[in-house]
PDB file of N, CA and C in Angstrom:
ATOM      1  N   MET A   1     107.783  94.516 116.314  1.00  0.00           N
ATOM      2  CA  MET A   1     107.559  93.287 117.254  1.00  0.00           C
ATOM      3  C   MET A   1     108.131  91.724 116.546  1.00  0.00           C
ATOM      4  N   LYS A   2     109.029  91.168 117.282  1.00  0.00           N
ATOM      5  CA  LYS A   2     109.106  89.833 116.886  1.00  0.00           C
ATOM      6  C   LYS A   2     108.887  88.435 117.333  1.00  0.00           C
ATOM      7  N   THR A   3     108.402  87.515 116.976  1.00  0.00           N
ATOM      8  CA  THR A   3     108.150  86.586 117.533  1.00  0.00           C
ATOM      9  C   THR A   3     108.090  85.035 116.560  1.00  0.00           C
ATOM     10  N   ASN A   4     108.234  83.739 117.622  1.00  0.00           N
ATOM     11  CA  ASN A   4     108.408  82.892 116.662  1.00  0.00           C
ATOM     12  C   ASN A   4     106.886  82.200 116.491  1.00  0.00           C
ATOM     13  N   ALA A   5     107.307  81.201 115.707  1.00  0.00           N
ATOM     14  CA  ALA A   5     105.972  80.372 115.193  1.00  0.00           C
ATOM     15  C   ALA A   5     105.351  79.901 116.419  1.00  0.00           C
ATOM     16  N   VAL A   6     105.847  79.521 117.628  1.00  0.00           N
ATOM     17  CA  VAL A   6     105.171  78.800 118.581  1.00  0.00           C
ATOM     18  C   VAL A   6     104.816  79.781 119.326  1.00  0.00           C
ATOM     19  N   ASP A   7     104.811  80.829 119.799  1.00  0.00           N
ATOM     20  CA  ASP A   7     104.497  82.545 120.332  1.00  0.00           C
ATOM     21  C   ASP A   7     103.424  82.901 119.431  1.00  0.00           C
ATOM     22  N   LEU A   8     103.678  82.550 118.631  1.00  0.00           N
ATOM     23  CA  LEU A   8     102.424  83.118 117.623  1.00  0.00           C
ATOM     24  C   LEU A   8     101.148  82.352 117.680  1.00  0.00           C
ATOM     25  N   ARG A   9     100.974  81.163 118.569  1.00  0.00           N
ATOM     26  CA  ARG A   9      99.839  80.689 118.764  1.00  0.00           C
ATOM     27  C   ARG A   9      99.962  80.981 120.523  1.00  0.00           C
ATOM     28  N   ARG A  10     100.726  81.109 121.028  1.00  0.00           N
ATOM     29  CA  ARG A  10     100.361  80.864 122.745  1.00  0.00           C
ATOM     30  C   ARG A  10     100.031  82.603 122.856  1.00  0.00           C
ATOM     31  N   ASN A  11     101.133  83.007 121.956  1.00  0.00           N
ATOM     32  CA  ASN A  11     100.499  85.059 122.197  1.00  0.00           C
ATOM     33  C   ASN A  11      99.676  85.821 121.621  1.00  0.00           C
ATOM     34  N   MET A  12      98.811  85.218 120.986  1.00  0.00           N
ATOM     35  CA  MET A  12      97.873  85.663 120.222  1.00  0.00           C
ATOM     36  C   MET A  12      97.443  87.190 120.381  1.00  0.00           C
ATOM     37  N   LYS A  13      97.466  87.222 121.538  1.00  0.00           N
ATOM     38  CA  LYS A  13      96.590  88.350 122.433  1.00  0.00           C
ATOM     39  C   LYS A  13      97.371  89.731 122.290  1.00  0.00           C
ATOM     40  N   ASP A  14      98.625  89.742 122.746  1.00  0.00           N
ATOM     41  CA  ASP A  14      99.418  90.400 122.429  1.00  0.00           C
ATOM     42  C   ASP A  14     100.232  90.904 120.895  1.00  0.00           C
ATOM     43  N   ILE A  15     100.165  89.890 120.124  1.00  0.00           N
ATOM     44  CA  ILE A  15     100.474  89.778 118.689  1.00  0.00           C
ATOM     45  C   ILE A  15      99.605  90.965 118.439  1.00  0.00           C
ATOM     46  N   MET A  16      98.157  90.565 118.529  1.00  0.00           N
ATOM     47  CA  MET A  16      97.008  91.202 118.042  1.00  0.00           C
ATOM     48  C   MET A  16      96.576  92.934 118.604  1.00  0.00           C
ATOM     49  N   ARG A  17      97.413  92.983 120.046  1.00  0.00           N
ATOM     50  CA  ARG A  17      97.535  94.596 120.465  1.00  0.00           C
ATOM     51  C   ARG A  17      98.649  95.371 119.649  1.00  0.00           C
ATOM     52  N   ALA A  18      99.550  94.606 118.915  1.00  0.00           N
ATOM     53  CA  ALA A  18     101.013  95.355 118.666  1.00  0.00           C
ATOM     54  C   ALA A  18     100.471  95.670 116.839  1.00  0.00           C
ATOM     55  N   VAL A  19      99.236  94.924 116.269  1.00  0.00           N
ATOM     56  CA  VAL A  19      98.594  94.865 115.391  1.00  0.00           C
ATOM     57  C   VAL A  19      97.984  95.875 115.139  1.00  0.00           C
ATOM     58  N   ASP A  20      97.072  96.025 116.542  1.00  0.00           N
ATOM     59  CA  ASP A  20      96.110  97.543 116.771  1.00  0.00           C
ATOM     60  C   ASP A  20      97.065  99.208 117.058  1.00  0.00           C
ATOM     61  N   ARG A  21      98.488  98.858 117.559  1.00  0.00           N
ATOM     62  CA  ARG A  21      99.059 100.122 117.458  1.00  0.00           C
ATOM     63  C   ARG A  21     100.143 100.365 116.255  1.00  0.00           C
ATOM     64  N   HIS A  22      99.358  99.376 115.058  1.00  0.00           N
ATOM     65  CA  HIS A  22     100.050  99.588 114.046  1.00  0.00           C
ATOM     66  C   HIS A  22     101.595  99.366 113.528  1.00  0.00           C
ATOM     67  N   GLU A  23     101.966  98.181 114.348  1.00  0.00           N
ATOM     68  CA  GLU A  23     103.560  97.587 114.361  1.00  0.00           C
ATOM     69  C   GLU A  23     103.670  96.815 113.282  1.00  0.00           C
ATOM     70  N   PRO A  24     104.354  96.299 112.678  1.00  0.00           N
ATOM     71  CA  PRO A  24     104.603  94.815 111.980  1.00  0.00           C
ATOM     72  C   PRO A  24     105.228  93.744 112.622  1.00  0.00           C
ATOM     73  N   VAL A  25     104.516  93.070 113.020  1.00  0.00           N
ATOM     74  CA  VAL A  25     105.228  91.771 113.574  1.00  0.00           C
ATOM     75  C   VAL A  25     105.745  90.923 112.715  1.00  0.00           C
ATOM     76  N   LYS A  26     106.719  90.416 112.815  1.00  0.00           N
ATOM     77  CA  LYS A  26     107.992  89.416 112.259  1.00  0.00           C
ATOM     78  C   LYS A  26     107.953  88.299 113.146  1.00  0.00           C
ATOM     79  N   ILE A  27     107.671  87.348 112.036  1.00  0.00           N
ATOM     80  CA  ILE A  27     107.618  85.897 112.653  1.00  0.00           C
ATOM     81  C   ILE A  27     108.737  85.294 111.982  1.00  0.00           C
ATOM     82  N   LEU A  28     109.275  84.717 112.809  1.00  0.00           N
ATOM     83  CA  LEU A  28     110.681  84.091 112.965  1.00  0.00           C
ATOM     84  C   LEU A  28     110.447  82.453 112.994  1.00  0.00           C
ATOM     85  N   TYR A  29     111.369  81.604 112.263  1.00  0.00           N
ATOM     86  CA  TYR A  29     111.349  80.258 112.098  1.00  0.00           C
ATOM     87  C   TYR A  29     112.879  80.119 112.110  1.00  0.00           C
ATOM     88  N   HIS A  30     113.042  79.460 113.581  1.00  0.00           N
ATOM     89  CA  HIS A  30     114.712  78.838 113.461  1.00  0.00           C
ATOM     90  C   HIS A  30     115.288  80.217 113.343  1.00  0.00           C
ATOM     91  N   GLY A  31     114.901  81.240 114.118  1.00  0.00           N
ATOM     92  CA  GLY A  31     115.348  82.393 114.263  1.00  0.00           C
ATOM     93  C   GLY A  31     115.747  83.008 112.719  1.00  0.00           C
ATOM     94  N   LYS A  32     115.351  82.381 111.451  1.00  0.00           N
ATOM     95  CA  LYS A  32     115.159  83.825 110.218  1.00  0.00           C
ATOM     96  C   LYS A  32     113.706  84.084 110.402  1.00  0.00           C
ATOM     97  N   GLU A  33     113.895  85.853 110.033  1.00  0.00           N
ATOM     98  CA  GLU A  33     113.000  86.141 109.522  1.00  0.00           C
ATOM     99  C   GLU A  33     111.796  85.349 108.357  1.00  0.00           C
ATOM    100  N   ARG A  34     110.617  84.801 108.252  1.00  0.00           N
ATOM    101  CA  ARG A  34     109.773  84.141 107.851  1.00  0.00           C
ATOM    102  C   ARG A  34     108.798  84.696 107.170  1.00  0.00           C
ATOM    103  N   ALA A  35     108.250  85.392 107.648  1.00  0.00           N
ATOM    104  CA  ALA A  35     106.626  86.702 107.439  1.00  0.00           C
ATOM    105  C   ALA A  35     106.867  87.692 108.222  1.00  0.00           C
ATOM    106  N   VAL A  36     105.873  88.479 107.946  1.00  0.00           N
ATOM    107  CA  VAL A  36     105.538  89.741 108.304  1.00  0.00           C
ATOM    108  C   VAL A  36     103.780  89.906 108.351  1.00  0.00           C
ATOM    109  N   ILE A  37     103.323  90.488 109.819  1.00  0.00           N
ATOM    110  CA  ILE A  37     102.119  90.680 109.783  1.00  0.00           C
ATOM    111  C   ILE A  37     101.864  91.847 109.818  1.00  0.00           C
ATOM    112  N   LEU A  38     101.695  92.320 108.955  1.00  0.00           N
ATOM    113  CA  LEU A  38     101.163  94.126 108.477  1.00  0.00           C
ATOM    114  C   LEU A  38      99.936  94.422 109.037  1.00  0.00           C
ATOM    115  N   PRO A  39      99.481  95.419 109.780  1.00  0.00           N
ATOM    116  CA  PRO A  39      98.012  95.841 110.024  1.00  0.00           C
ATOM    117  C   PRO A  39      97.518  96.449 108.575  1.00  0.00           C
ATOM    118  N   ILE A  40      95.826  96.483 108.632  1.00  0.00           N
ATOM    119  CA  ILE A  40      95.328  96.902 107.457  1.00  0.00           C
ATOM    120  C   ILE A  40      95.492  98.303 107.736  1.00  0.00           C
ATOM    121  N   LYS A  41      95.286  98.871 106.163  1.00  0.00           N
ATOM    122  CA  LYS A  41      95.727 100.168 105.930  1.00  0.00           C
ATOM    123  C   LYS A  41      94.268 100.604 106.068  1.00  0.00           C
ATOM    124  N   GLN A  42      93.313 101.399 106.867  1.00  0.00           N
ATOM    125  CA  GLN A  42      91.960 101.753 106.714  1.00  0.00           C
ATOM    126  C   GLN A  42      91.917 102.976 105.954  1.00  0.00           C
ATOM    127  N   PRO A  43      90.814 102.604 104.709  1.00  0.00           N
ATOM    128  CA  PRO A  43      90.768 104.007 103.763  1.00  0.00           C
ATOM    129  C   PRO A  43      90.225 104.773 104.325  1.00  0.00           C
ATOM    130  N   VAL A  44      90.704 106.089 103.723  1.00  0.00           N
ATOM    131  CA  VAL A  44      89.926 107.248 104.517  1.00  0.00           C
ATOM    132  C   VAL A  44      88.921 107.663 103.344  1.00  0.00           C
ATOM    133  N   ALA A  45      87.732 108.033 103.672  1.00  0.00           N
ATOM    134  CA  ALA A  45      86.551 108.496 102.594  1.00  0.00           C
ATOM    135  C   ALA A  45      86.910 109.846 102.107  1.00  0.00           C
ATOM    136  N   PRO A  46      86.747 109.744 100.657  1.00  0.00           N
ATOM    137  CA  PRO A  46      86.916 111.527 100.339  1.00  0.00           C
ATOM    138  C   PRO A  46      85.878 112.449 100.560  1.00  0.00           C
ATOM    139  N   ALA A  47      86.025 113.697 100.977  1.00  0.00           N
ATOM    140  CA  ALA A  47      85.162 114.422 101.103  1.00  0.00           C
ATOM    141  C   ALA A  47      83.825 114.488  99.884  1.00  0.00           C
ATOM    142  N   ILE A  48      82.888 114.341 100.081  1.00  0.00           N
ATOM    143  CA  ILE A  48      81.649 114.384  98.973  1.00  0.00           C
ATOM    144  C   ILE A  48      81.778 115.444  98.106  1.00  0.00           C
ATOM    145  N   ARG A  49      82.385 116.439  98.563  1.00  0.00           N
ATOM    146  CA  ARG A  49      82.049 117.972  97.749  1.00  0.00           C
ATOM    147  C   ARG A  49      83.159 118.082  96.756  1.00  0.00           C
ATOM    148  N   ASN A  50      84.593 116.802  96.915  1.00  0.00           N
ATOM    149  CA  ASN A  50      85.320 116.316  95.753  1.00  0.00           C
ATOM    150  C   ASN A  50      85.109 115.269  94.538  1.00  0.00           C
ATOM    151  N   HIS A  51      83.838 114.761  94.853  1.00  0.00           N
ATOM    152  CA  HIS A  51      83.912 113.799  94.015  1.00  0.00           C
ATOM    153  C   HIS A  51      83.037 114.237  92.487  1.00  0.00           C
ATOM    154  N   PRO A  52      83.175 114.013  91.595  1.00  0.00           N
ATOM    155  CA  PRO A  52      83.207 114.866  89.883  1.00  0.00           C
ATOM    156  C   PRO A  52      82.091 114.647  90.058  1.00  0.00           C
ATOM    157  N   PHE A  53      80.670 113.615  90.504  1.00  0.00           N
ATOM    158  CA  PHE A  53      79.533 113.899  90.375  1.00  0.00           C
ATOM    159  C   PHE A  53      78.620 114.778  91.105  1.00  0.00           C
ATOM    160  N   PHE A  54      79.065 115.291  92.230  1.00  0.00           N
ATOM    161  CA  PHE A  54      78.906 116.428  92.833  1.00  0.00           C
ATOM    162  C   PHE A  54      78.775 117.600  92.288  1.00  0.00           C
ATOM    163  N   GLY A  55      76.965 118.529  91.988  1.00  0.00           N
ATOM    164  CA  GLY A  55      77.355 119.299  91.431  1.00  0.00           C
ATOM    165  C   GLY A  55      77.217 119.494  90.210  1.00  0.00           C
ATOM    166  N   MET A  56      77.288 118.361  89.350  1.00  0.00           N
ATOM    167  CA  MET A  56      77.380 117.972  87.863  1.00  0.00           C
ATOM    168  C   MET A  56      76.098 118.666  87.192  1.00  0.00           C
ATOM    169  N   ASP A  57      74.797 118.859  88.025  1.00  0.00           N
ATOM    170  CA  ASP A  57      73.751 119.624  87.039  1.00  0.00           C
ATOM    171  C   ASP A  57      73.910 120.951  87.363  1.00  0.00           C
ATOM    172  N   LYS A  58      74.593 121.704  88.100  1.00  0.00           N
ATOM    173  CA  LYS A  58      74.212 122.998  88.377  1.00  0.00           C
ATOM    174  C   LYS A  58      73.460 123.890  87.008  1.00  0.00           C
ATOM    175  N   ASP A  59      74.348 123.225  85.915  1.00  0.00           N
ATOM    176  CA  ASP A  59      73.700 124.139  84.515  1.00  0.00           C
ATOM    177  C   ASP A  59      72.497 123.925  84.373  1.00  0.00           C
ATOM    178  N   GLU A  60      71.801 122.393  84.943  1.00  0.00           N
ATOM    179  CA  GLU A  60      70.792 121.721  84.082  1.00  0.00           C
ATOM    180  C   GLU A  60      69.302 122.350  84.680  1.00  0.00           C
ATOM    181  N   GLY A  61      69.401 122.949  85.547  1.00  0.00           N
ATOM    182  CA  GLY A  61      67.969 123.426  86.576  1.00  0.00           C
ATOM    183  C   GLY A  61      67.630 122.425  87.742  1.00  0.00           C
ATOM    184  N   TYR A  62      66.285 122.024  87.697  1.00  0.00           N
ATOM    185  CA  TYR A  62      66.186 121.666  88.587  1.00  0.00           C
ATOM    186  C   TYR A  62      66.434 119.758  88.347  1.00  0.00           C
ATOM    187  N   VAL A  63      66.553 119.345  89.517  1.00  0.00           N
ATOM    188  CA  VAL A  63      66.082 117.992  89.364  1.00  0.00           C
ATOM    189  C   VAL A  63      65.309 116.893  88.464  1.00  0.00           C
ATOM    190  N   GLU A  64      64.320 117.193  89.210  1.00  0.00           N
ATOM    191  CA  GLU A  64      63.101 116.845  88.781  1.00  0.00           C
ATOM    192  C   GLU A  64      62.548 116.929  87.205  1.00  0.00           C
ATOM    193  N   ALA A  65      63.480 118.200  86.278  1.00  0.00           N
ATOM    194  CA  ALA A  65      63.255 118.168  84.999  1.00  0.00           C
ATOM    195  C   ALA A  65      64.296 117.555  84.709  1.00  0.00           C
ATOM    196  N   VAL A  66      65.040 117.408  85.003  1.00  0.00           N
ATOM    197  CA  VAL A  66      66.592 116.286  84.198  1.00  0.00           C
ATOM    198  C   VAL A  66      66.094 115.165  84.538  1.00  0.00           C
ATOM    199  N   ILE A  67      65.180 114.356  85.520  1.00  0.00           N
ATOM    200  CA  ILE A  67      64.683 113.409  85.404  1.00  0.00           C
ATOM    201  C   ILE A  67      63.507 113.194  84.630  1.00  0.00           C
ATOM    202  N   ASP A  68      62.728 113.945  84.683  1.00  0.00           N
ATOM    203  CA  ASP A  68      61.865 113.518  83.584  1.00  0.00           C
ATOM    204  C   ASP A  68      62.220 113.451  82.016  1.00  0.00           C
ATOM    205  N   LYS A  69      63.256 114.341  81.820  1.00  0.00           N
ATOM    206  CA  LYS A  69      63.821 114.173  80.026  1.00  0.00           C
ATOM    207  C   LYS A  69      64.570 112.772  79.921  1.00  0.00           C
ATOM    208  N   LEU A  70      65.166 111.980  81.113  1.00  0.00           N
ATOM    209  CA  LEU A  70      66.152 110.997  81.061  1.00  0.00           C
ATOM    210  C   LEU A  70      64.806 109.852  80.833  1.00  0.00           C
ATOM    211  N   ARG A  71      63.286 109.968  81.449  1.00  0.00           N
ATOM    212  CA  ARG A  71      62.748 108.889  81.335  1.00  0.00           C
ATOM    213  C   ARG A  71      61.782 109.254  80.350  1.00  0.00           C
ATOM    214  N   ASP A  72      61.568 110.395  79.508  1.00  0.00           N
ATOM    215  CA  ASP A  72      61.302 110.465  78.317  1.00  0.00           C
ATOM    216  C   ASP A  72      61.209 109.497  77.304  1.00  0.00           C
ATOM    217  N   GLY A  73      60.517 109.124  76.208  1.00  0.00           N
ATOM    218  CA  GLY A  73      60.587 108.278  75.384  1.00  0.00           C
ATOM    219  C   GLY A  73      61.694 108.382  74.624  1.00  0.00           C
ATOM    220  N   ARG A  74      62.216 107.447  73.960  1.00  0.00           N
ATOM    221  CA  ARG A  74      63.097 107.370  72.681  1.00  0.00           C
ATOM    222  C   ARG A  74      62.530 108.537  71.468  1.00  0.00           C
ATOM    223  N   TYR A  75      61.558 108.402  70.971  1.00  0.00           N
ATOM    224  CA  TYR A  75      61.003 108.993  70.028  1.00  0.00           C
ATOM    225  C   TYR A  75      60.151 110.413  70.257  1.00  0.00           C
TER     226      TYR A  75
END
């Protein structure tokens, strides 16, 4: 979509609809392209099973035993 600086103010609803459709909006000033409005890319959450923290204590035994070991005194 292309728009000029005046239409940017007057037709904001149409511009936001174009952004919602993931279209870049080019802003023209005196007929020359000056800026581009791009939609924000939505982050995709990775699967929890792919996180390195998931399952790291499978060899340690019960979680309570590991926590007790961590909370134990230094000496």
